[in-house]
Amino acid sequence: MNMLAVYGSPRHFGNSTFLTKEFIAEVERKIPSATVSEAELSRLDVGGCTGCDGCRRNGGVCIRNDDMGQLYDRYTEADTLVYSSPVYWWGISSQLKAFIDRLYALDLEAHKGKKLYVIAVGADETNGVQYELIRRQFVEICEYCCIDFVGYLPVSADDERPAKDNKEAIECARSLYRG
C-alpha cells in the first residue's frame, strides 16, 4: 500500500488531523509494509485553480509555481488516499478544496483505481446536513474519477469537546480502514 494523507486543517494539530493520525497508525499497525506520505496543506503554498486551462495546454503542468508541484507525483503514486478536513460552512476547508481543484491538471487516468477515505470533523452533531453534503461531494468526485470511496468518518468535536477526549471517535478512526 502506498498512501497519501492530505490534511486540510489550517490548524497544525486540529481534531481532524488528530483522528487522521490515529487512522494512519492503525493502517501502519495492520500493514507494516505500508508507505504513508503526509501533506499538511496549512504548511504548504497551494493556491486555488484559476481555471485558465494552462495545465491542459502544458501537458498537465500547472502554470502556478507553488507547492502543488511536489504533490502531483505523490498523488499519482498513491493507491490509497485519506483526506481530512474540519467542517467550514457546510463543507470542507478551503485548503483541501484548493488541493482537490488543482488535481484538474491531471489526466483522469491518474485517479483510476485509487481508494479514498475521508475524515470530516465539525462542531455540529453528525446528523447535521453538512456531513451528508461532504459525503455526497466525495461520492460524486469518486464516481467521476473512478476512485473507490471506501470510508467516511464524520465526527462531532470542537475546542470544548476535542477529538482526543472522544474514545468512540478514536475507535471509529482506528477501525475505518478496510483492507
N, C-alpha and C. Protein backbone atom coordinates (compact mmCIF):
# COMPACT_ATOMS: atom_id res chain seq x y z
N MET A 1 0.84 -1.17 0.00
CA MET A 1 0.00 0.00 0.00
C MET A 1 0.89 1.25 0.00
N ASN A 2 0.51 2.19 -0.84
CA ASN A 2 1.17 3.48 -0.89
C ASN A 2 0.07 4.53 -0.64
N MET A 3 0.07 5.11 0.55
CA MET A 3 -0.99 6.03 0.97
C MET A 3 -0.51 7.46 1.00
N LEU A 4 -1.38 8.37 0.55
CA LEU A 4 -1.16 9.80 0.70
C LEU A 4 -2.25 10.34 1.61
N ALA A 5 -1.83 10.90 2.74
CA ALA A 5 -2.75 11.53 3.67
C ALA A 5 -2.65 13.04 3.48
N VAL A 6 -3.78 13.66 3.19
CA VAL A 6 -3.82 15.10 2.94
C VAL A 6 -4.63 15.75 4.05
N TYR A 7 -3.94 16.57 4.85
CA TYR A 7 -4.57 17.26 5.97
C TYR A 7 -5.05 18.63 5.52
N GLY A 8 -6.35 18.85 5.61
CA GLY A 8 -6.92 20.11 5.17
C GLY A 8 -7.14 21.13 6.26
N SER A 9 -6.76 20.81 7.48
CA SER A 9 -6.98 21.75 8.57
C SER A 9 -5.96 22.88 8.55
N PRO A 10 -6.41 24.12 8.78
CA PRO A 10 -5.45 25.21 8.90
C PRO A 10 -4.73 25.19 10.25
N ARG A 11 -5.20 24.36 11.16
CA ARG A 11 -4.58 24.23 12.48
C ARG A 11 -3.63 23.04 12.45
N HIS A 12 -2.42 23.27 12.96
CA HIS A 12 -1.37 22.25 12.89
C HIS A 12 -1.79 20.90 13.45
N PHE A 13 -2.48 20.88 14.56
CA PHE A 13 -2.89 19.60 15.13
C PHE A 13 -4.33 19.71 15.62
N GLY A 14 -5.22 20.01 14.68
CA GLY A 14 -6.65 20.10 14.99
C GLY A 14 -7.28 18.73 15.13
N ASN A 15 -8.57 18.72 15.35
CA ASN A 15 -9.31 17.48 15.58
C ASN A 15 -9.26 16.53 14.39
N SER A 16 -9.43 17.05 13.18
CA SER A 16 -9.40 16.18 12.00
C SER A 16 -8.01 15.58 11.79
N THR A 17 -6.98 16.36 12.04
CA THR A 17 -5.61 15.86 11.92
C THR A 17 -5.35 14.78 12.95
N PHE A 18 -5.78 15.02 14.19
CA PHE A 18 -5.59 14.03 15.25
C PHE A 18 -6.21 12.69 14.86
N LEU A 19 -7.46 12.72 14.41
CA LEU A 19 -8.14 11.47 14.06
C LEU A 19 -7.51 10.79 12.84
N THR A 20 -7.03 11.58 11.91
CA THR A 20 -6.37 11.00 10.74
C THR A 20 -5.08 10.31 11.14
N LYS A 21 -4.35 10.89 12.05
CA LYS A 21 -3.12 10.25 12.53
C LYS A 21 -3.43 8.95 13.28
N GLU A 22 -4.56 8.89 13.97
CA GLU A 22 -4.99 7.64 14.60
C GLU A 22 -5.30 6.59 13.53
N PHE A 23 -5.98 7.01 12.48
CA PHE A 23 -6.29 6.12 11.35
C PHE A 23 -5.01 5.58 10.73
N ILE A 24 -4.06 6.47 10.45
CA ILE A 24 -2.80 6.07 9.82
C ILE A 24 -2.03 5.11 10.71
N ALA A 25 -1.99 5.38 12.01
CA ALA A 25 -1.27 4.50 12.93
C ALA A 25 -1.85 3.08 12.89
N GLU A 26 -3.16 2.99 12.78
CA GLU A 26 -3.79 1.67 12.70
C GLU A 26 -3.48 0.98 11.37
N VAL A 27 -3.48 1.74 10.29
CA VAL A 27 -3.11 1.16 8.99
C VAL A 27 -1.68 0.64 9.04
N GLU A 28 -0.78 1.43 9.59
CA GLU A 28 0.62 1.00 9.68
C GLU A 28 0.79 -0.20 10.60
N ARG A 29 -0.05 -0.31 11.63
CA ARG A 29 -0.01 -1.48 12.51
C ARG A 29 -0.47 -2.72 11.76
N LYS A 30 -1.53 -2.58 10.96
CA LYS A 30 -2.09 -3.71 10.23
C LYS A 30 -1.24 -4.09 9.01
N ILE A 31 -0.62 -3.09 8.40
CA ILE A 31 0.18 -3.32 7.20
C ILE A 31 1.56 -2.70 7.41
N PRO A 32 2.46 -3.40 8.05
CA PRO A 32 3.79 -2.84 8.34
C PRO A 32 4.55 -2.37 7.11
N SER A 33 4.24 -2.96 5.95
CA SER A 33 4.96 -2.57 4.73
C SER A 33 4.35 -1.34 4.06
N ALA A 34 3.28 -0.80 4.63
CA ALA A 34 2.63 0.38 4.02
C ALA A 34 3.57 1.57 4.02
N THR A 35 3.51 2.32 2.94
CA THR A 35 4.24 3.58 2.83
C THR A 35 3.21 4.69 2.92
N VAL A 36 3.42 5.58 3.88
CA VAL A 36 2.47 6.68 4.07
C VAL A 36 3.20 8.00 3.88
N SER A 37 2.69 8.79 2.97
CA SER A 37 3.20 10.14 2.73
C SER A 37 2.13 11.10 3.25
N GLU A 38 2.57 12.13 3.96
CA GLU A 38 1.62 13.08 4.55
C GLU A 38 1.85 14.47 3.99
N ALA A 39 0.75 15.17 3.70
CA ALA A 39 0.82 16.53 3.19
C ALA A 39 -0.07 17.41 4.07
N GLU A 40 0.57 18.26 4.85
CA GLU A 40 -0.17 19.19 5.71
C GLU A 40 -0.31 20.51 4.94
N LEU A 41 -1.48 20.69 4.35
CA LEU A 41 -1.69 21.81 3.44
C LEU A 41 -1.47 23.17 4.09
N SER A 42 -1.70 23.29 5.39
CA SER A 42 -1.51 24.58 6.05
C SER A 42 -0.04 24.99 6.09
N ARG A 43 0.85 24.05 5.88
CA ARG A 43 2.29 24.34 5.87
C ARG A 43 2.85 24.45 4.45
N LEU A 44 1.95 24.34 3.47
CA LEU A 44 2.36 24.41 2.07
C LEU A 44 1.67 25.59 1.39
N ASP A 45 2.25 26.01 0.31
CA ASP A 45 1.65 27.06 -0.51
C ASP A 45 0.95 26.40 -1.69
N VAL A 46 -0.37 26.20 -1.55
CA VAL A 46 -1.17 25.59 -2.61
C VAL A 46 -2.30 26.55 -2.92
N GLY A 47 -2.14 27.28 -4.01
CA GLY A 47 -3.18 28.23 -4.42
C GLY A 47 -4.29 27.54 -5.17
N GLY A 48 -5.40 28.21 -5.26
CA GLY A 48 -6.55 27.65 -5.96
C GLY A 48 -6.35 27.63 -7.47
N CYS A 49 -7.14 26.80 -8.12
CA CYS A 49 -7.13 26.72 -9.58
C CYS A 49 -7.68 28.03 -10.15
N THR A 50 -7.04 28.54 -11.18
CA THR A 50 -7.51 29.78 -11.80
C THR A 50 -8.44 29.52 -12.97
N GLY A 51 -8.59 28.26 -13.35
CA GLY A 51 -9.48 27.93 -14.46
C GLY A 51 -8.95 28.38 -15.82
N CYS A 52 -7.65 28.58 -15.91
CA CYS A 52 -7.06 29.08 -17.15
C CYS A 52 -6.85 27.99 -18.21
N ASP A 53 -6.91 26.74 -17.80
CA ASP A 53 -6.66 25.59 -18.66
C ASP A 53 -5.21 25.50 -19.15
N GLY A 54 -4.32 26.25 -18.52
CA GLY A 54 -2.90 26.18 -18.88
C GLY A 54 -2.36 24.77 -18.72
N CYS A 55 -2.82 24.06 -17.70
CA CYS A 55 -2.36 22.68 -17.49
C CYS A 55 -2.76 21.78 -18.65
N ARG A 56 -3.87 22.07 -19.27
CA ARG A 56 -4.32 21.27 -20.42
C ARG A 56 -3.45 21.55 -21.66
N ARG A 57 -2.98 22.77 -21.76
CA ARG A 57 -2.12 23.14 -22.89
C ARG A 57 -0.66 22.76 -22.64
N ASN A 58 -0.28 22.56 -21.36
CA ASN A 58 1.12 22.29 -21.00
C ASN A 58 1.36 20.85 -20.59
N GLY A 59 0.54 19.94 -21.04
CA GLY A 59 0.75 18.53 -20.75
C GLY A 59 0.59 18.17 -19.28
N GLY A 60 -0.33 18.83 -18.58
CA GLY A 60 -0.59 18.52 -17.18
C GLY A 60 0.23 19.33 -16.20
N VAL A 61 0.98 20.30 -16.69
CA VAL A 61 1.79 21.14 -15.81
C VAL A 61 1.05 22.44 -15.55
N CYS A 62 0.72 22.67 -14.28
CA CYS A 62 0.01 23.88 -13.89
C CYS A 62 0.91 25.10 -14.06
N ILE A 63 0.33 26.22 -14.44
CA ILE A 63 1.10 27.45 -14.61
C ILE A 63 1.53 28.05 -13.28
N ARG A 64 0.85 27.67 -12.19
CA ARG A 64 1.20 28.20 -10.87
C ARG A 64 2.49 27.55 -10.41
N ASN A 65 3.36 28.32 -9.86
CA ASN A 65 4.63 27.81 -9.34
C ASN A 65 4.54 27.81 -7.82
N ASP A 66 3.89 26.78 -7.28
CA ASP A 66 3.74 26.68 -5.84
C ASP A 66 4.00 25.24 -5.41
N ASP A 67 3.66 24.92 -4.19
CA ASP A 67 3.98 23.60 -3.64
C ASP A 67 3.14 22.45 -4.19
N MET A 68 2.10 22.76 -4.95
CA MET A 68 1.29 21.69 -5.51
C MET A 68 2.14 20.83 -6.46
N GLY A 69 3.13 21.43 -7.09
CA GLY A 69 4.01 20.68 -7.99
C GLY A 69 4.63 19.47 -7.32
N GLN A 70 4.99 19.58 -6.05
CA GLN A 70 5.59 18.46 -5.32
C GLN A 70 4.54 17.42 -4.91
N LEU A 71 3.27 17.77 -4.97
CA LEU A 71 2.22 16.84 -4.55
C LEU A 71 1.68 15.98 -5.69
N TYR A 72 1.82 16.43 -6.93
CA TYR A 72 1.29 15.65 -8.05
C TYR A 72 1.88 14.24 -8.12
N ASP A 73 3.20 14.12 -8.01
CA ASP A 73 3.83 12.79 -8.07
C ASP A 73 3.38 11.93 -6.90
N ARG A 74 3.33 12.52 -5.72
CA ARG A 74 2.90 11.77 -4.55
C ARG A 74 1.45 11.29 -4.72
N TYR A 75 0.63 12.13 -5.31
CA TYR A 75 -0.76 11.75 -5.57
C TYR A 75 -0.84 10.61 -6.58
N THR A 76 -0.15 10.75 -7.69
CA THR A 76 -0.27 9.72 -8.74
C THR A 76 0.33 8.39 -8.30
N GLU A 77 1.35 8.41 -7.45
CA GLU A 77 1.96 7.18 -6.96
C GLU A 77 1.11 6.48 -5.91
N ALA A 78 0.24 7.20 -5.25
CA ALA A 78 -0.57 6.62 -4.17
C ALA A 78 -1.68 5.74 -4.74
N ASP A 79 -1.91 4.63 -4.07
CA ASP A 79 -3.08 3.82 -4.42
C ASP A 79 -4.21 4.04 -3.42
N THR A 80 -3.88 4.65 -2.30
CA THR A 80 -4.87 4.94 -1.27
C THR A 80 -4.70 6.38 -0.82
N LEU A 81 -5.82 7.07 -0.68
CA LEU A 81 -5.84 8.46 -0.26
C LEU A 81 -6.66 8.59 1.01
N VAL A 82 -6.24 9.49 1.88
CA VAL A 82 -7.09 9.86 3.01
C VAL A 82 -7.08 11.39 3.08
N TYR A 83 -8.26 11.95 3.02
CA TYR A 83 -8.43 13.40 3.13
C TYR A 83 -9.08 13.70 4.47
N SER A 84 -8.53 14.66 5.18
CA SER A 84 -9.15 15.07 6.43
C SER A 84 -9.38 16.57 6.40
N SER A 85 -10.50 16.96 7.01
CA SER A 85 -10.85 18.37 6.99
C SER A 85 -11.78 18.71 8.14
N PRO A 86 -11.60 19.92 8.67
CA PRO A 86 -12.65 20.44 9.54
C PRO A 86 -13.84 20.82 8.66
N VAL A 87 -14.99 20.95 9.26
CA VAL A 87 -16.19 21.36 8.54
C VAL A 87 -16.31 22.88 8.66
N TYR A 88 -16.30 23.55 7.51
CA TYR A 88 -16.48 25.00 7.46
C TYR A 88 -17.63 25.31 6.52
N TRP A 89 -18.62 26.01 7.01
CA TRP A 89 -19.73 26.44 6.16
C TRP A 89 -20.33 25.29 5.36
N TRP A 90 -20.62 24.19 6.02
CA TRP A 90 -21.27 23.02 5.44
C TRP A 90 -20.40 22.28 4.42
N GLY A 91 -19.10 22.48 4.47
CA GLY A 91 -18.23 21.81 3.52
C GLY A 91 -16.83 21.63 4.07
N ILE A 92 -15.92 21.26 3.19
CA ILE A 92 -14.53 21.05 3.56
C ILE A 92 -13.79 22.39 3.60
N SER A 93 -12.60 22.37 4.17
CA SER A 93 -11.80 23.60 4.29
C SER A 93 -11.34 24.10 2.91
N SER A 94 -11.03 25.37 2.85
CA SER A 94 -10.55 25.95 1.59
C SER A 94 -9.21 25.33 1.19
N GLN A 95 -8.41 24.94 2.17
CA GLN A 95 -7.12 24.32 1.87
C GLN A 95 -7.31 23.00 1.12
N LEU A 96 -8.21 22.16 1.61
CA LEU A 96 -8.44 20.87 0.93
C LEU A 96 -9.14 21.09 -0.40
N LYS A 97 -10.05 22.04 -0.45
CA LYS A 97 -10.75 22.33 -1.71
C LYS A 97 -9.76 22.79 -2.78
N ALA A 98 -8.80 23.65 -2.41
CA ALA A 98 -7.79 24.10 -3.38
C ALA A 98 -6.97 22.92 -3.90
N PHE A 99 -6.57 22.03 -3.01
CA PHE A 99 -5.82 20.84 -3.42
C PHE A 99 -6.62 20.02 -4.42
N ILE A 100 -7.87 19.75 -4.10
CA ILE A 100 -8.71 18.93 -4.98
C ILE A 100 -8.92 19.63 -6.32
N ASP A 101 -9.18 20.93 -6.29
CA ASP A 101 -9.37 21.67 -7.55
C ASP A 101 -8.13 21.60 -8.43
N ARG A 102 -6.96 21.63 -7.83
CA ARG A 102 -5.73 21.60 -8.60
C ARG A 102 -5.45 20.23 -9.22
N LEU A 103 -6.14 19.19 -8.74
CA LEU A 103 -5.99 17.87 -9.37
C LEU A 103 -6.55 17.86 -10.78
N TYR A 104 -7.25 18.91 -11.15
CA TYR A 104 -7.76 19.07 -12.51
C TYR A 104 -6.63 18.97 -13.54
N ALA A 105 -5.42 19.35 -13.14
CA ALA A 105 -4.27 19.31 -14.05
C ALA A 105 -3.94 17.89 -14.49
N LEU A 106 -4.34 16.91 -13.71
CA LEU A 106 -4.02 15.52 -14.03
C LEU A 106 -5.05 14.92 -14.98
N ASP A 107 -4.58 14.04 -15.82
CA ASP A 107 -5.46 13.27 -16.69
C ASP A 107 -6.33 12.37 -15.81
N LEU A 108 -7.53 12.06 -16.25
CA LEU A 108 -8.42 11.21 -15.46
C LEU A 108 -7.81 9.85 -15.15
N GLU A 109 -6.93 9.37 -15.99
CA GLU A 109 -6.28 8.09 -15.75
C GLU A 109 -5.48 8.09 -14.45
N ALA A 110 -4.99 9.25 -14.02
CA ALA A 110 -4.19 9.34 -12.80
C ALA A 110 -5.00 9.03 -11.55
N HIS A 111 -6.32 9.10 -11.64
CA HIS A 111 -7.18 8.88 -10.49
C HIS A 111 -7.71 7.45 -10.40
N LYS A 112 -7.82 6.80 -11.53
CA LYS A 112 -8.50 5.50 -11.61
C LYS A 112 -7.88 4.46 -10.69
N GLY A 113 -8.77 3.74 -10.01
CA GLY A 113 -8.35 2.62 -9.19
C GLY A 113 -7.89 2.97 -7.79
N LYS A 114 -7.82 4.24 -7.46
CA LYS A 114 -7.42 4.63 -6.11
C LYS A 114 -8.57 4.36 -5.14
N LYS A 115 -8.22 4.26 -3.86
CA LYS A 115 -9.20 4.15 -2.79
C LYS A 115 -9.14 5.45 -1.99
N LEU A 116 -10.32 5.91 -1.55
CA LEU A 116 -10.38 7.17 -0.80
C LEU A 116 -11.11 6.99 0.52
N TYR A 117 -10.49 7.53 1.57
CA TYR A 117 -11.10 7.67 2.89
C TYR A 117 -11.21 9.16 3.19
N VAL A 118 -12.29 9.56 3.85
CA VAL A 118 -12.48 10.96 4.21
C VAL A 118 -12.85 11.04 5.69
N ILE A 119 -12.18 11.94 6.40
CA ILE A 119 -12.49 12.21 7.80
C ILE A 119 -12.87 13.68 7.89
N ALA A 120 -14.08 13.95 8.36
CA ALA A 120 -14.60 15.32 8.47
C ALA A 120 -15.04 15.57 9.91
N VAL A 121 -14.55 16.66 10.50
CA VAL A 121 -14.85 16.96 11.90
C VAL A 121 -15.40 18.37 12.02
N GLY A 122 -16.58 18.46 12.64
CA GLY A 122 -17.20 19.76 12.87
C GLY A 122 -17.87 19.80 14.22
N ALA A 123 -18.33 20.98 14.60
CA ALA A 123 -18.94 21.16 15.91
C ALA A 123 -20.36 20.62 15.99
N ASP A 124 -21.06 20.57 14.87
CA ASP A 124 -22.44 20.11 14.88
C ASP A 124 -22.50 18.59 15.08
N GLU A 125 -23.65 18.11 15.49
CA GLU A 125 -23.85 16.66 15.62
C GLU A 125 -23.74 16.01 14.24
N THR A 126 -23.36 14.76 14.21
CA THR A 126 -23.08 14.10 12.93
C THR A 126 -24.31 13.85 12.08
N ASN A 127 -25.49 14.10 12.61
CA ASN A 127 -26.69 14.00 11.78
C ASN A 127 -26.98 15.33 11.09
N GLY A 128 -26.12 16.32 11.26
CA GLY A 128 -26.26 17.60 10.58
C GLY A 128 -26.06 17.46 9.08
N VAL A 129 -26.72 18.31 8.33
CA VAL A 129 -26.71 18.20 6.86
C VAL A 129 -25.31 18.35 6.26
N GLN A 130 -24.42 19.08 6.91
CA GLN A 130 -23.09 19.30 6.34
C GLN A 130 -22.33 17.99 6.13
N TYR A 131 -22.51 17.04 7.01
CA TYR A 131 -21.80 15.78 6.85
C TYR A 131 -22.32 14.99 5.65
N GLU A 132 -23.61 15.08 5.40
CA GLU A 132 -24.17 14.44 4.21
C GLU A 132 -23.71 15.16 2.95
N LEU A 133 -23.63 16.49 2.99
CA LEU A 133 -23.16 17.25 1.83
C LEU A 133 -21.71 16.88 1.49
N ILE A 134 -20.88 16.77 2.50
CA ILE A 134 -19.48 16.40 2.28
C ILE A 134 -19.39 14.98 1.71
N ARG A 135 -20.11 14.05 2.32
CA ARG A 135 -20.11 12.67 1.83
C ARG A 135 -20.56 12.63 0.37
N ARG A 136 -21.62 13.34 0.07
CA ARG A 136 -22.17 13.33 -1.30
C ARG A 136 -21.16 13.92 -2.29
N GLN A 137 -20.48 14.98 -1.90
CA GLN A 137 -19.47 15.58 -2.78
C GLN A 137 -18.41 14.55 -3.15
N PHE A 138 -17.94 13.79 -2.17
CA PHE A 138 -16.89 12.82 -2.45
C PHE A 138 -17.42 11.60 -3.20
N VAL A 139 -18.65 11.22 -2.97
CA VAL A 139 -19.26 10.15 -3.76
C VAL A 139 -19.24 10.54 -5.24
N GLU A 140 -19.63 11.77 -5.54
CA GLU A 140 -19.68 12.24 -6.93
C GLU A 140 -18.28 12.37 -7.53
N ILE A 141 -17.34 12.92 -6.78
CA ILE A 141 -15.96 13.03 -7.27
C ILE A 141 -15.41 11.64 -7.59
N CYS A 142 -15.64 10.72 -6.69
CA CYS A 142 -15.12 9.35 -6.89
C CYS A 142 -15.77 8.67 -8.08
N GLU A 143 -17.05 8.88 -8.25
CA GLU A 143 -17.71 8.29 -9.41
C GLU A 143 -17.13 8.85 -10.70
N TYR A 144 -16.94 10.14 -10.76
CA TYR A 144 -16.40 10.79 -11.96
C TYR A 144 -14.97 10.33 -12.26
N CYS A 145 -14.16 10.19 -11.20
CA CYS A 145 -12.74 9.86 -11.38
C CYS A 145 -12.43 8.37 -11.30
N CYS A 146 -13.44 7.54 -11.14
CA CYS A 146 -13.25 6.09 -10.99
C CYS A 146 -12.37 5.75 -9.79
N ILE A 147 -12.64 6.44 -8.68
CA ILE A 147 -11.99 6.20 -7.40
C ILE A 147 -12.98 5.44 -6.54
N ASP A 148 -12.48 4.50 -5.76
CA ASP A 148 -13.33 3.72 -4.87
C ASP A 148 -13.44 4.45 -3.52
N PHE A 149 -14.62 4.96 -3.22
CA PHE A 149 -14.88 5.67 -1.96
C PHE A 149 -15.16 4.63 -0.89
N VAL A 150 -14.13 4.29 -0.11
CA VAL A 150 -14.22 3.13 0.77
C VAL A 150 -14.49 3.46 2.23
N GLY A 151 -14.33 4.71 2.64
CA GLY A 151 -14.55 5.01 4.05
C GLY A 151 -14.81 6.47 4.30
N TYR A 152 -15.76 6.72 5.19
CA TYR A 152 -16.10 8.09 5.56
C TYR A 152 -16.37 8.13 7.06
N LEU A 153 -15.72 9.06 7.74
CA LEU A 153 -15.91 9.21 9.17
C LEU A 153 -16.28 10.65 9.49
N PRO A 154 -17.56 10.92 9.76
CA PRO A 154 -17.96 12.22 10.25
C PRO A 154 -17.91 12.21 11.78
N VAL A 155 -17.33 13.25 12.37
CA VAL A 155 -17.18 13.31 13.83
C VAL A 155 -17.58 14.69 14.32
N SER A 156 -18.26 14.70 15.45
CA SER A 156 -18.59 15.95 16.13
C SER A 156 -17.56 16.20 17.22
N ALA A 157 -16.79 17.27 17.06
CA ALA A 157 -15.78 17.66 18.05
C ALA A 157 -15.48 19.14 17.86
N ASP A 158 -15.04 19.78 18.92
CA ASP A 158 -14.64 21.19 18.85
C ASP A 158 -13.66 21.45 19.99
N ASP A 159 -13.34 22.71 20.22
CA ASP A 159 -12.36 23.03 21.25
C ASP A 159 -12.81 22.61 22.65
N GLU A 160 -14.11 22.67 22.90
CA GLU A 160 -14.64 22.27 24.20
C GLU A 160 -14.79 20.76 24.32
N ARG A 161 -14.93 20.07 23.20
CA ARG A 161 -15.09 18.61 23.15
C ARG A 161 -14.10 18.06 22.14
N PRO A 162 -12.81 18.10 22.44
CA PRO A 162 -11.79 17.70 21.46
C PRO A 162 -11.85 16.21 21.14
N ALA A 163 -11.46 15.89 19.93
CA ALA A 163 -11.45 14.50 19.47
C ALA A 163 -10.54 13.63 20.32
N LYS A 164 -9.46 14.19 20.83
CA LYS A 164 -8.53 13.40 21.64
C LYS A 164 -9.18 12.87 22.92
N ASP A 165 -10.29 13.49 23.34
CA ASP A 165 -11.02 13.04 24.53
C ASP A 165 -12.23 12.18 24.18
N ASN A 166 -12.44 11.91 22.90
CA ASN A 166 -13.61 11.18 22.44
C ASN A 166 -13.20 9.76 22.07
N LYS A 167 -13.31 8.85 23.06
CA LYS A 167 -12.87 7.47 22.85
C LYS A 167 -13.61 6.79 21.69
N GLU A 168 -14.89 7.09 21.52
CA GLU A 168 -15.66 6.49 20.43
C GLU A 168 -15.13 6.95 19.07
N ALA A 169 -14.85 8.24 18.94
CA ALA A 169 -14.32 8.77 17.68
C ALA A 169 -12.95 8.17 17.38
N ILE A 170 -12.11 8.03 18.39
CA ILE A 170 -10.79 7.44 18.20
C ILE A 170 -10.93 6.00 17.72
N GLU A 171 -11.82 5.25 18.34
CA GLU A 171 -12.03 3.86 17.93
C GLU A 171 -12.58 3.79 16.51
N CYS A 172 -13.48 4.70 16.16
CA CYS A 172 -14.02 4.73 14.80
C CYS A 172 -12.92 5.04 13.79
N ALA A 173 -12.02 5.97 14.13
CA ALA A 173 -10.90 6.29 13.22
C ALA A 173 -10.01 5.07 13.05
N ARG A 174 -9.76 4.37 14.14
CA ARG A 174 -8.88 3.19 14.07
C ARG A 174 -9.51 2.04 13.29
N SER A 175 -10.83 1.97 13.30
CA SER A 175 -11.50 0.86 12.61
C SER A 175 -12.00 1.24 11.21
N LEU A 176 -11.69 2.44 10.75
CA LEU A 176 -12.16 2.91 9.44
C LEU A 176 -11.53 2.14 8.28
N TYR A 177 -10.28 1.72 8.45
CA TYR A 177 -9.58 1.05 7.36
C TYR A 177 -10.27 -0.26 6.97
N ARG A 178 -10.44 -0.43 5.67
CA ARG A 178 -10.99 -1.68 5.13
C ARG A 178 -10.00 -2.21 4.10
N GLY A 179 -9.29 -3.23 4.48
CA GLY A 179 -8.22 -3.77 3.64
C GLY A 179 -8.64 -4.47 2.42
